[in-house]
N, C-alpha and C. Protein backbone atom coordinates (compact mmCIF):
# COMPACT_ATOMS: atom_id res chain seq x y z
N MET A 1 0.73 -0.47 0.13
CA MET A 1 -0.26 0.20 0.04
C MET A 1 1.00 1.05 0.17
N ILE A 2 0.57 2.23 -0.93
CA ILE A 2 1.37 3.35 -0.87
C ILE A 2 0.31 4.95 0.16
N SER A 3 1.22 5.19 0.88
CA SER A 3 -0.07 6.32 1.73
C SER A 3 0.14 7.64 1.41
N TYR A 4 2.16 8.38 0.83
CA TYR A 4 1.62 8.99 0.25
C TYR A 4 3.01 9.42 -0.80
N LEU A 5 2.91 10.31 -1.32
CA LEU A 5 4.15 10.44 -1.63
C LEU A 5 4.95 11.75 -1.60
N ASN A 6 6.08 11.41 -1.73
CA ASN A 6 7.28 12.90 -1.48
C ASN A 6 7.93 13.07 -2.32
N GLY A 7 7.94 13.52 -3.96
CA GLY A 7 8.77 13.88 -4.72
C GLY A 7 8.49 15.39 -5.43
N ASP A 8 9.01 15.19 -6.64
CA ASP A 8 8.93 15.92 -7.38
C ASP A 8 7.52 16.61 -8.52
N ILE A 9 6.86 17.53 -8.39
CA ILE A 9 5.65 17.30 -9.58
C ILE A 9 6.32 17.78 -11.17
N VAL A 10 6.00 16.51 -11.75
CA VAL A 10 7.36 17.48 -12.95
C VAL A 10 6.27 17.62 -14.01
N GLU A 11 5.17 16.83 -14.14
CA GLU A 11 3.96 17.26 -15.00
C GLU A 11 2.45 17.37 -14.01
N ILE A 12 1.79 18.28 -14.90
CA ILE A 12 0.30 18.55 -14.56
C ILE A 12 -0.32 18.75 -16.06
N SER A 13 -1.46 17.84 -15.66
CA SER A 13 -2.28 18.06 -16.35
C SER A 13 -3.71 17.82 -15.64
N TYR A 14 -4.46 18.18 -16.93
CA TYR A 14 -6.28 18.17 -17.03
C TYR A 14 -6.79 17.72 -15.34
N ASP A 15 -6.41 15.99 -15.05
CA ASP A 15 -6.91 15.48 -14.18
C ASP A 15 -5.69 14.23 -13.35
N SER A 16 -4.50 14.78 -13.27
CA SER A 16 -3.79 14.26 -13.28
C SER A 16 -2.48 14.70 -13.08
N LEU A 17 -1.65 14.15 -12.26
CA LEU A 17 0.32 14.73 -11.82
C LEU A 17 0.87 13.33 -12.53
N VAL A 18 2.56 13.83 -12.97
CA VAL A 18 3.56 13.13 -12.69
C VAL A 18 4.40 13.12 -11.39
N ILE A 19 4.36 12.50 -10.80
CA ILE A 19 5.37 12.82 -9.74
C ILE A 19 6.70 11.53 -9.48
N ASP A 20 7.43 12.22 -10.17
CA ASP A 20 8.75 11.47 -9.61
C ASP A 20 9.15 11.65 -8.26
N CYS A 21 9.94 10.80 -8.04
CA CYS A 21 10.23 10.19 -6.84
C CYS A 21 11.68 9.54 -6.49
N ASN A 22 12.52 9.22 -6.79
CA ASN A 22 13.46 9.37 -6.95
C ASN A 22 13.79 8.14 -8.37
N GLY A 23 13.37 8.94 -8.98
CA GLY A 23 13.79 8.57 -10.35
C GLY A 23 12.26 7.97 -10.89
N VAL A 24 11.67 7.58 -10.13
CA VAL A 24 10.28 6.65 -10.47
C VAL A 24 9.17 7.62 -10.32
N GLY A 25 8.78 7.50 -11.62
CA GLY A 25 7.20 8.88 -11.92
C GLY A 25 6.53 8.31 -12.04
N TYR A 26 4.97 8.34 -11.06
CA TYR A 26 3.74 8.41 -10.34
C TYR A 26 2.91 8.68 -11.38
N HIS A 27 2.33 8.16 -12.04
CA HIS A 27 0.62 8.80 -12.25
C HIS A 27 -0.23 9.06 -11.64
N VAL A 28 -0.84 10.44 -11.39
CA VAL A 28 -2.01 10.08 -9.66
C VAL A 28 -2.58 11.13 -10.44
N TYR A 29 -3.74 10.59 -10.18
CA TYR A 29 -5.18 11.51 -10.56
C TYR A 29 -5.06 12.47 -9.35
N ILE A 30 -5.85 13.45 -9.99
CA ILE A 30 -5.75 14.66 -8.90
C ILE A 30 -6.97 15.23 -8.95
N SER A 31 -8.06 15.65 -8.02
CA SER A 31 -8.98 16.24 -7.56
C SER A 31 -9.38 17.69 -8.54
N ARG A 32 -7.88 18.56 -8.58
CA ARG A 32 -7.88 19.00 -8.29
C ARG A 32 -6.58 19.93 -9.05
N PRO A 33 -5.78 19.26 -10.11
CA PRO A 33 -4.42 19.32 -10.38
C PRO A 33 -4.04 21.05 -10.32
N SER A 34 -5.04 22.04 -10.41
CA SER A 34 -4.40 23.80 -10.33
C SER A 34 -4.33 24.26 -8.66
N ASP A 35 -4.32 22.83 -8.26
CA ASP A 35 -3.51 23.34 -6.65
C ASP A 35 -2.45 23.15 -6.40
N PHE A 36 -1.79 22.57 -7.17
CA PHE A 36 -0.98 22.54 -7.19
C PHE A 36 0.02 22.88 -8.20
N SER A 37 1.84 23.17 -7.92
CA SER A 37 2.75 23.76 -8.83
C SER A 37 3.57 22.64 -9.74
N HIS A 38 4.04 22.99 -10.30
CA HIS A 38 5.83 21.83 -10.10
C HIS A 38 6.79 22.17 -9.21
N GLY A 39 7.15 21.45 -8.64
CA GLY A 39 8.01 21.00 -8.05
C GLY A 39 8.62 20.41 -6.17
N LYS A 40 8.82 20.35 -5.48
CA LYS A 40 7.83 19.68 -4.35
C LYS A 40 7.18 19.15 -4.18
N CYS A 41 6.39 18.22 -3.43
CA CYS A 41 5.14 18.31 -2.92
C CYS A 41 5.31 17.28 -2.11
N LEU A 42 3.67 16.93 -1.29
CA LEU A 42 4.13 15.67 -0.53
C LEU A 42 2.10 15.39 -1.21
N VAL A 43 2.13 14.30 -1.51
CA VAL A 43 0.68 13.73 -2.03
C VAL A 43 -0.10 12.76 -1.15
N TYR A 44 -1.11 12.40 -0.65
CA TYR A 44 -1.60 11.51 0.24
C TYR A 44 -1.91 10.85 -1.16
N ILE A 45 -1.97 9.63 -0.93
CA ILE A 45 -2.34 8.27 -2.25
C ILE A 45 -3.59 7.53 -1.85
N TYR A 46 -4.20 7.41 -2.09
CA TYR A 46 -4.91 5.83 -2.30
C TYR A 46 -5.10 5.03 -3.67
N TYR A 47 -4.34 3.52 -3.01
CA TYR A 47 -4.36 3.09 -4.35
C TYR A 47 -5.34 2.24 -4.78
N GLN A 48 -5.37 1.77 -5.53
CA GLN A 48 -6.95 0.99 -6.42
C GLN A 48 -5.86 -0.11 -7.12
N GLN A 49 -6.23 -1.21 -7.29
CA GLN A 49 -5.18 -2.51 -7.80
C GLN A 49 -6.32 -2.39 -8.33
N LYS A 50 -7.22 -3.01 -10.22
CA LYS A 50 -8.21 -3.59 -10.70
C LYS A 50 -7.82 -4.06 -11.43
N GLU A 51 -8.86 -5.30 -12.12
CA GLU A 51 -8.10 -6.52 -13.02
C GLU A 51 -7.13 -5.10 -14.23
N ASP A 52 -7.68 -4.34 -14.80
CA ASP A 52 -7.46 -3.97 -15.72
C ASP A 52 -5.53 -2.54 -15.23
N GLY A 53 -5.45 -2.51 -14.26
CA GLY A 53 -4.12 -2.06 -14.28
C GLY A 53 -4.92 -1.03 -12.78
N VAL A 54 -3.36 -0.52 -12.71
CA VAL A 54 -3.04 -0.01 -10.87
C VAL A 54 -3.62 1.62 -11.41
N PHE A 55 -4.56 1.95 -10.25
CA PHE A 55 -4.74 3.39 -10.44
C PHE A 55 -3.88 4.12 -9.17
N LEU A 56 -3.55 5.76 -8.55
CA LEU A 56 -3.30 6.16 -7.46
C LEU A 56 -4.39 7.44 -7.68
N TYR A 57 -4.83 7.67 -6.53
CA TYR A 57 -5.52 8.86 -5.97
C TYR A 57 -4.91 9.78 -5.21
N GLY A 58 -4.60 10.90 -5.81
CA GLY A 58 -3.85 11.74 -4.51
C GLY A 58 -4.66 13.08 -4.48
N PHE A 59 -4.36 13.44 -3.35
CA PHE A 59 -5.13 14.74 -1.95
C PHE A 59 -3.79 15.25 -1.91
N LYS A 60 -4.36 16.49 -1.57
CA LYS A 60 -3.31 17.50 -0.85
C LYS A 60 -3.39 17.81 0.43
N THR A 61 -4.65 17.13 0.56
CA THR A 61 -4.65 17.29 2.53
C THR A 61 -5.40 15.75 2.92
N LYS A 62 -5.11 15.09 4.54
CA LYS A 62 -5.28 14.34 4.88
C LYS A 62 -6.91 14.26 5.01
N ALA A 63 -7.47 15.27 5.43
CA ALA A 63 -8.82 15.79 5.21
C ALA A 63 -9.36 15.18 3.72
N GLU A 64 -9.18 15.61 2.97
CA GLU A 64 -9.64 15.46 1.51
C GLU A 64 -10.19 14.24 1.34
N LYS A 65 -8.63 13.53 1.73
CA LYS A 65 -8.29 11.56 1.31
C LYS A 65 -9.31 11.24 2.41
N GLU A 66 -9.31 11.52 3.66
CA GLU A 66 -10.53 10.97 4.84
C GLU A 66 -11.72 10.67 4.08
N LEU A 67 -12.29 12.50 3.39
CA LEU A 67 -13.53 12.26 2.55
C LEU A 67 -13.85 11.26 1.41
N PHE A 68 -12.56 11.27 0.54
CA PHE A 68 -12.61 10.59 -0.46
C PHE A 68 -13.25 9.10 -0.03
N LEU A 69 -12.33 8.49 1.24
CA LEU A 69 -12.44 6.82 1.63
C LEU A 69 -14.27 7.32 2.35
N LYS A 70 -14.14 7.65 2.75
CA LYS A 70 -15.74 8.22 2.83
C LYS A 70 -16.44 7.78 1.92
N LEU A 71 -16.83 8.63 0.62
CA LEU A 71 -17.34 8.30 -0.38
C LEU A 71 -17.71 7.17 -0.82
N ILE A 72 -16.50 6.45 -1.22
CA ILE A 72 -16.15 5.00 -1.88
C ILE A 72 -17.02 4.36 -0.91
N ASP A 73 -17.24 4.12 -0.04
CA ASP A 73 -17.77 3.48 1.11
C ASP A 73 -18.78 3.79 0.80
N VAL A 74 -19.84 4.63 0.44
CA VAL A 74 -21.15 4.76 0.30
C VAL A 74 -21.71 4.02 -1.44
N ASN A 75 -23.09 3.07 -1.08
CA ASN A 75 -22.82 1.85 -2.64
C ASN A 75 -23.18 3.35 -3.75
N GLY A 76 -22.86 2.17 -5.33
CA GLY A 76 -22.67 3.14 -6.26
C GLY A 76 -21.63 4.24 -5.98
N ILE A 77 -20.66 4.58 -5.23
CA ILE A 77 -20.09 5.67 -5.60
C ILE A 77 -18.21 5.39 -5.99
N GLY A 78 -17.96 5.42 -6.94
CA GLY A 78 -16.62 4.76 -6.55
C GLY A 78 -15.55 5.39 -6.63
N PRO A 79 -14.14 5.45 -7.23
CA PRO A 79 -13.04 6.77 -6.84
C PRO A 79 -13.57 7.79 -7.91
N LYS A 80 -13.42 7.22 -9.58
CA LYS A 80 -13.80 8.58 -10.55
C LYS A 80 -14.86 9.05 -10.39
N THR A 81 -15.94 8.35 -9.72
CA THR A 81 -17.03 9.53 -9.13
C THR A 81 -16.89 10.16 -7.50
N ALA A 82 -16.15 9.80 -6.79
CA ALA A 82 -15.02 10.56 -5.59
C ALA A 82 -14.27 12.03 -6.10
N ASN A 83 -13.71 11.09 -6.96
CA ASN A 83 -12.35 12.11 -7.25
C ASN A 83 -12.92 13.30 -7.95
N GLY A 84 -14.52 13.02 -9.20
CA GLY A 84 -14.93 14.07 -9.46
C GLY A 84 -15.89 14.93 -8.56
N ILE A 85 -16.28 14.50 -7.65
CA ILE A 85 -16.96 14.90 -6.62
C ILE A 85 -16.06 16.20 -6.35
N LEU A 86 -14.91 15.78 -5.28
CA LEU A 86 -13.66 16.40 -4.53
C LEU A 86 -13.92 17.39 -5.34
N GLY A 87 -13.69 17.05 -6.53
CA GLY A 87 -13.10 18.60 -7.93
C GLY A 87 -14.25 19.65 -7.99
N ALA A 88 -15.21 19.34 -7.35
CA ALA A 88 -15.99 19.79 -7.72
C ALA A 88 -16.61 21.11 -6.72
N THR A 89 -15.90 20.59 -5.74
CA THR A 89 -16.86 21.60 -4.46
C THR A 89 -15.41 21.18 -3.58
N THR A 90 -15.52 22.30 -2.35
CA THR A 90 -14.44 22.29 -1.21
C THR A 90 -14.65 20.72 -0.30
N VAL A 91 -13.94 20.59 0.77
CA VAL A 91 -14.05 19.34 1.53
C VAL A 91 -15.91 19.74 2.97
N ASN A 92 -15.08 21.55 2.82
CA ASN A 92 -15.57 21.97 4.36
C ASN A 92 -17.25 21.65 3.26
N ASN A 93 -17.49 22.21 1.87
CA ASN A 93 -19.09 22.27 1.04
C ASN A 93 -19.48 21.71 1.26
N LEU A 94 -19.05 20.63 1.22
CA LEU A 94 -19.26 18.97 0.57
C LEU A 94 -19.48 18.75 2.17
N ILE A 95 -19.20 18.50 3.41
CA ILE A 95 -19.54 18.34 4.27
C ILE A 95 -20.62 18.56 4.56
N SER A 96 -20.64 20.03 5.01
CA SER A 96 -21.95 20.70 5.12
C SER A 96 -23.18 20.12 4.30
N ALA A 97 -22.85 20.58 3.07
CA ALA A 97 -24.43 19.43 2.51
C ALA A 97 -24.60 18.51 2.37
N ILE A 98 -24.08 17.38 3.08
CA ILE A 98 -24.34 16.00 3.19
C ILE A 98 -24.80 15.93 4.86
N GLU A 99 -24.48 16.82 5.89
CA GLU A 99 -24.18 17.11 7.37
C GLU A 99 -26.65 17.98 7.54
N GLY A 100 -26.00 18.93 6.24
CA GLY A 100 -27.58 19.76 6.03
C GLY A 100 -28.22 18.67 5.36
N GLY A 101 -28.26 17.53 5.15
CA GLY A 101 -29.14 16.93 4.34
C GLY A 101 -29.37 17.78 2.70
N ASN A 102 -28.38 18.93 2.06
CA ASN A 102 -28.69 19.19 0.67
C ASN A 102 -28.87 18.46 -0.04
N ILE A 103 -29.78 18.13 -1.05
CA ILE A 103 -29.80 17.44 -1.55
C ILE A 103 -29.75 17.72 -3.11
N ALA A 104 -30.00 19.12 -3.40
CA ALA A 104 -30.38 19.86 -4.40
C ALA A 104 -28.80 20.16 -4.49
N PHE A 105 -27.74 20.27 -3.18
CA PHE A 105 -26.73 20.71 -3.69
C PHE A 105 -26.11 19.48 -4.83
N LEU A 106 -26.05 18.52 -3.13
CA LEU A 106 -25.25 17.36 -3.90
C LEU A 106 -26.05 16.31 -5.55
N LYS A 107 -26.81 17.19 -6.07
CA LYS A 107 -26.99 17.07 -7.18
C LYS A 107 -26.55 17.34 -8.21
N LYS A 108 -25.72 18.19 -8.24
CA LYS A 108 -25.19 19.75 -8.87
C LYS A 108 -23.56 18.63 -8.85
N LEU A 109 -23.45 18.02 -8.38
CA LEU A 109 -22.14 17.61 -8.44
C LEU A 109 -22.04 16.54 -9.83
N PRO A 110 -20.73 16.51 -10.29
CA PRO A 110 -20.61 15.62 -11.66
C PRO A 110 -20.73 14.01 -10.95
N ALA A 111 -21.52 13.37 -12.39
CA ALA A 111 -21.92 11.69 -11.75
C ALA A 111 -22.97 11.76 -10.33
N VAL A 112 -23.71 12.76 -10.35
CA VAL A 112 -24.40 12.11 -8.69
C VAL A 112 -26.21 12.83 -8.91
N GLY A 113 -26.72 11.84 -9.23
CA GLY A 113 -27.84 12.27 -9.46
C GLY A 113 -28.60 11.80 -8.47
N PRO A 114 -30.11 12.50 -8.53
CA PRO A 114 -30.94 11.86 -6.78
C PRO A 114 -30.90 10.92 -6.25
N LYS A 115 -30.63 9.56 -6.64
CA LYS A 115 -30.78 8.67 -6.19
C LYS A 115 -29.26 8.08 -5.82
N ALA A 116 -27.86 8.77 -5.81
CA ALA A 116 -26.54 8.50 -5.48
C ALA A 116 -26.51 9.99 -4.43
N ALA A 117 -27.24 11.29 -4.67
CA ALA A 117 -27.35 11.58 -3.84
C ALA A 117 -28.09 12.05 -2.00
N GLN A 118 -29.17 11.05 -2.60
CA GLN A 118 -30.06 10.81 -1.47
C GLN A 118 -29.16 9.83 -0.52
N GLN A 119 -28.55 8.52 -0.95
CA GLN A 119 -27.41 7.60 -0.42
C GLN A 119 -26.11 8.23 0.21
N ILE A 120 -25.15 9.05 -0.66
CA ILE A 120 -24.61 9.50 0.06
C ILE A 120 -25.15 10.46 1.26
N VAL A 121 -26.28 10.83 1.89
CA VAL A 121 -27.05 11.85 2.60
C VAL A 121 -27.21 10.69 3.91
N LEU A 122 -27.46 9.45 2.92
CA LEU A 122 -27.95 8.32 4.03
C LEU A 122 -27.04 7.79 4.53
N ASP A 123 -26.30 7.29 4.12
CA ASP A 123 -24.60 6.34 4.50
C ASP A 123 -23.40 7.19 5.49
N LEU A 124 -23.70 9.26 4.69
CA LEU A 124 -22.74 9.54 5.63
C LEU A 124 -22.94 11.18 6.58
N LYS A 125 -24.16 11.50 6.76
CA LYS A 125 -24.29 11.91 7.67
C LYS A 125 -24.51 11.56 9.33
N GLY A 126 -24.02 12.60 10.23
CA GLY A 126 -23.58 12.26 11.40
C GLY A 126 -22.39 11.38 11.48
N LYS A 127 -21.59 11.33 10.40
CA LYS A 127 -20.73 10.21 10.45
C LYS A 127 -19.36 11.38 10.03
N LEU A 128 -19.12 12.47 9.91
CA LEU A 128 -18.37 13.18 9.12
C LEU A 128 -18.61 14.47 10.26
N ILE A 129 -16.88 14.79 10.54
CA ILE A 129 -16.63 15.64 11.98
C ILE A 129 -15.31 15.85 10.93
N ILE A 130 -15.48 17.18 11.35
CA ILE A 130 -14.46 18.23 10.21
C ILE A 130 -13.21 18.44 11.38
N ASP A 131 -12.19 17.78 10.99
CA ASP A 131 -10.73 17.97 12.10
C ASP A 131 -9.99 19.13 11.91
N ALA A 132 -9.84 19.88 13.29
CA ALA A 132 -9.46 21.41 13.74
C ALA A 132 -8.47 20.99 12.92
N ASN A 133 -7.31 20.62 12.57
CA ASN A 133 -5.54 20.68 11.82
C ASN A 133 -6.68 20.76 10.63
N ALA A 134 -7.56 19.91 9.66
CA ALA A 134 -8.10 20.69 8.79
C ALA A 134 -8.18 21.69 8.39
N ILE A 135 -8.78 22.14 9.20
CA ILE A 135 -9.72 23.36 8.90
C ILE A 135 -8.39 24.56 8.81
N LYS A 136 -7.49 24.45 10.25
CA LYS A 136 -6.68 25.10 9.87
C LYS A 136 -5.74 25.59 8.50
N ASN A 137 -5.71 24.52 8.56
CA ASN A 137 -4.77 24.17 7.02
C ASN A 137 -5.60 25.15 6.02
N ASN A 138 -6.98 25.34 6.22
CA ASN A 138 -7.61 26.70 4.95
C ASN A 138 -7.83 27.79 5.65
N GLY A 139 -6.83 28.45 6.57
CA GLY A 139 -5.99 29.82 6.25
C GLY A 139 -6.33 30.02 7.83
N SER A 140 -6.31 31.08 8.94
CA SER A 140 -5.78 31.94 10.04
C SER A 140 -7.36 32.62 9.96
N ARG A 141 -7.42 32.40 9.09
CA ARG A 141 -8.83 32.95 9.06
C ARG A 141 -9.68 31.57 10.55
N PHE A 142 -9.79 30.24 10.11
CA PHE A 142 -10.84 29.17 10.86
C PHE A 142 -10.20 29.27 11.87
N SER A 143 -8.65 29.26 11.99
CA SER A 143 -7.66 28.87 13.15
C SER A 143 -8.66 30.45 13.79
N ASP A 144 -8.38 31.22 13.91
CA ASP A 144 -8.89 32.40 14.77
C ASP A 144 -10.41 31.91 14.77
N VAL A 145 -10.95 31.28 14.31
CA VAL A 145 -12.25 31.08 14.88
C VAL A 145 -11.89 29.95 16.28
N TYR A 146 -11.58 28.79 15.66
CA TYR A 146 -11.47 27.53 16.47
C TYR A 146 -10.44 28.83 18.16
N ASP A 147 -9.75 29.78 18.32
CA ASP A 147 -8.98 29.90 18.56
C ASP A 147 -10.48 30.68 19.83
N ALA A 148 -10.78 31.67 19.35
CA ALA A 148 -11.85 31.63 20.42
C ALA A 148 -13.24 31.56 20.90
N LEU A 149 -13.37 30.95 20.22
CA LEU A 149 -14.60 29.07 21.26
C LEU A 149 -13.37 28.46 21.48
N ARG A 150 -12.30 28.20 21.20
CA ARG A 150 -11.71 27.39 22.90
C ARG A 150 -10.86 28.65 23.59
N SER A 151 -11.45 29.42 23.41
CA SER A 151 -11.44 30.84 24.39
C SER A 151 -12.59 30.71 25.71
N PHE A 152 -13.33 30.48 25.37
CA PHE A 152 -15.21 30.30 25.84
C PHE A 152 -15.15 28.85 26.86
N GLY A 153 -14.39 28.39 26.46
CA GLY A 153 -14.17 27.42 27.27
C GLY A 153 -14.58 26.04 26.32
N PHE A 154 -14.71 25.60 24.77
CA PHE A 154 -15.55 24.71 24.31
C PHE A 154 -14.28 23.81 23.80
N LYS A 155 -14.70 22.18 23.62
CA LYS A 155 -13.89 21.77 23.30
C LYS A 155 -13.76 21.91 21.75
N THR A 156 -12.47 21.28 21.27
CA THR A 156 -12.17 21.33 20.35
C THR A 156 -13.51 19.99 19.43
N SER A 157 -13.51 19.27 19.48
CA SER A 157 -14.92 18.13 19.08
C SER A 157 -15.94 19.28 18.61
N GLU A 158 -16.86 19.96 20.18
CA GLU A 158 -17.51 20.71 19.99
C GLU A 158 -17.85 21.21 19.33
N ILE A 159 -16.56 21.87 19.29
CA ILE A 159 -16.36 22.98 17.93
C ILE A 159 -16.55 22.19 16.40
N ASP A 160 -16.16 21.27 16.05
CA ASP A 160 -16.02 20.36 14.51
C ASP A 160 -17.23 20.32 14.33
N ASN A 161 -17.75 19.59 15.72
CA ASN A 161 -19.18 19.43 15.65
C ASN A 161 -20.23 20.56 14.88
N ALA A 162 -19.99 21.86 15.44
CA ALA A 162 -21.12 22.97 15.39
C ALA A 162 -20.54 23.71 13.76
N PHE A 163 -18.64 23.54 13.33
CA PHE A 163 -18.58 24.13 12.24
C PHE A 163 -19.28 23.12 10.63
N ALA A 164 -19.44 21.58 11.25
CA ALA A 164 -20.18 20.82 10.04
C ALA A 164 -21.15 21.42 10.10
N LYS A 165 -21.74 22.52 10.97
CA LYS A 165 -23.41 22.01 10.97
C LYS A 165 -23.23 23.50 9.51
N ILE A 166 -22.16 24.06 9.86
CA ILE A 166 -22.79 25.37 8.82
C ILE A 166 -22.26 24.97 7.37
N THR A 167 -23.90 25.61 6.64
CA THR A 167 -23.45 25.81 5.53
C THR A 167 -22.41 27.16 4.62
N ASN A 168 -21.62 27.00 4.05
CA ASN A 168 -20.48 27.31 3.43
C ASN A 168 -20.17 28.60 3.84
N PRO A 169 -19.22 27.86 4.81
CA PRO A 169 -18.72 28.68 5.51
C PRO A 169 -17.61 29.68 5.46
N ASP A 170 -17.09 29.47 3.76
CA ASP A 170 -16.00 30.04 3.76
C ASP A 170 -16.99 31.24 3.19
N SER A 171 -18.53 31.61 2.83
CA SER A 171 -18.34 32.75 2.26
C SER A 171 -18.90 34.22 3.58
N LEU A 172 -18.89 33.63 5.17
CA LEU A 172 -18.36 34.20 6.16
C LEU A 172 -17.40 35.01 6.76
N LYS A 173 -17.82 36.04 7.63
CA LYS A 173 -16.80 36.49 7.56
C LYS A 173 -16.48 36.29 9.45
N THR A 174 -14.53 35.44 9.95
CA THR A 174 -14.52 35.76 10.93
C THR A 174 -15.84 35.74 11.99
N GLU A 175 -16.15 36.62 12.15
CA GLU A 175 -17.14 37.50 12.95
C GLU A 175 -18.12 36.70 13.44
N GLN A 176 -18.39 36.29 11.68
CA GLN A 176 -20.35 35.82 11.50
C GLN A 176 -20.22 34.64 11.76
N LEU A 177 -18.81 33.76 11.52
CA LEU A 177 -18.72 32.72 11.84
C LEU A 177 -18.62 31.91 13.67
N ILE A 178 -17.78 33.03 13.92
CA ILE A 178 -17.99 32.44 15.79
C ILE A 178 -20.24 32.46 16.12
N LYS A 179 -20.41 33.63 15.63
CA LYS A 179 -21.67 34.14 16.07
C LYS A 179 -21.86 32.85 15.89
N GLU A 180 -22.18 31.95 14.56
CA GLU A 180 -23.34 31.29 14.40
C GLU A 180 -22.70 29.68 15.01
N CYS A 181 -21.37 29.54 14.83
CA CYS A 181 -21.14 28.33 15.91
C CYS A 181 -21.39 29.04 17.47
N LEU A 182 -21.56 30.12 18.39
CA LEU A 182 -22.09 30.10 19.11
C LEU A 182 -23.66 29.80 19.26
N LYS A 183 -24.43 29.85 18.34
CA LYS A 183 -25.51 29.90 18.44
C LYS A 183 -25.43 28.98 18.23
N LEU A 184 -24.80 27.67 17.45
CA LEU A 184 -24.84 26.41 17.41
C LEU A 184 -25.10 25.09 18.99
N LEU A 185 -23.44 25.95 19.27
CA LEU A 185 -23.07 25.25 20.59
C LEU A 185 -23.66 25.82 21.72
N ARG A 186 -24.59 26.54 21.87
CA ARG A 186 -25.37 26.65 23.10
C ARG A 186 -26.94 25.94 23.11
N LYS A 187 -26.80 25.71 22.33
CA LYS A 187 -27.93 24.08 22.02
C LYS A 187 -27.94 23.47 23.49
């Protein structure tokens, strides 16, 4: 099993990267190749072996890989579909849609119809908690929210649960995020 690749990105295409690790070039399918640039990298890997070959799927963060693994556990969602889903939205927005049961949002994602959207919500709702470290990796603004809420005495796991219920946190200002989390935490 391959957990990650640490090397140099030597080629970027519309759906994949070639990563040189000690003279071996690995072809890795990526949901958003535009997030990467040529040069040094660390890419988390999902290894799939099928009759017609070996496929590597890569992720910039552990949170993205963990969400991918949960998606492919859903009946009817394979690695290609899960990769397309992650390429069409952010980890936070996808978790918010699943936790909120937002079928309309999920149906807009590539290769996700009404039945697949309902199955995703049925299988994953309540099972996705945003990792505090994953949130911090999305910018200092989110870490400021976590720091402020922890100063009020809330535990990270409580903040994770509240944060997961907020739809589209990227569109809110820091103060608004804190207020929304506090409303959810006080319930």
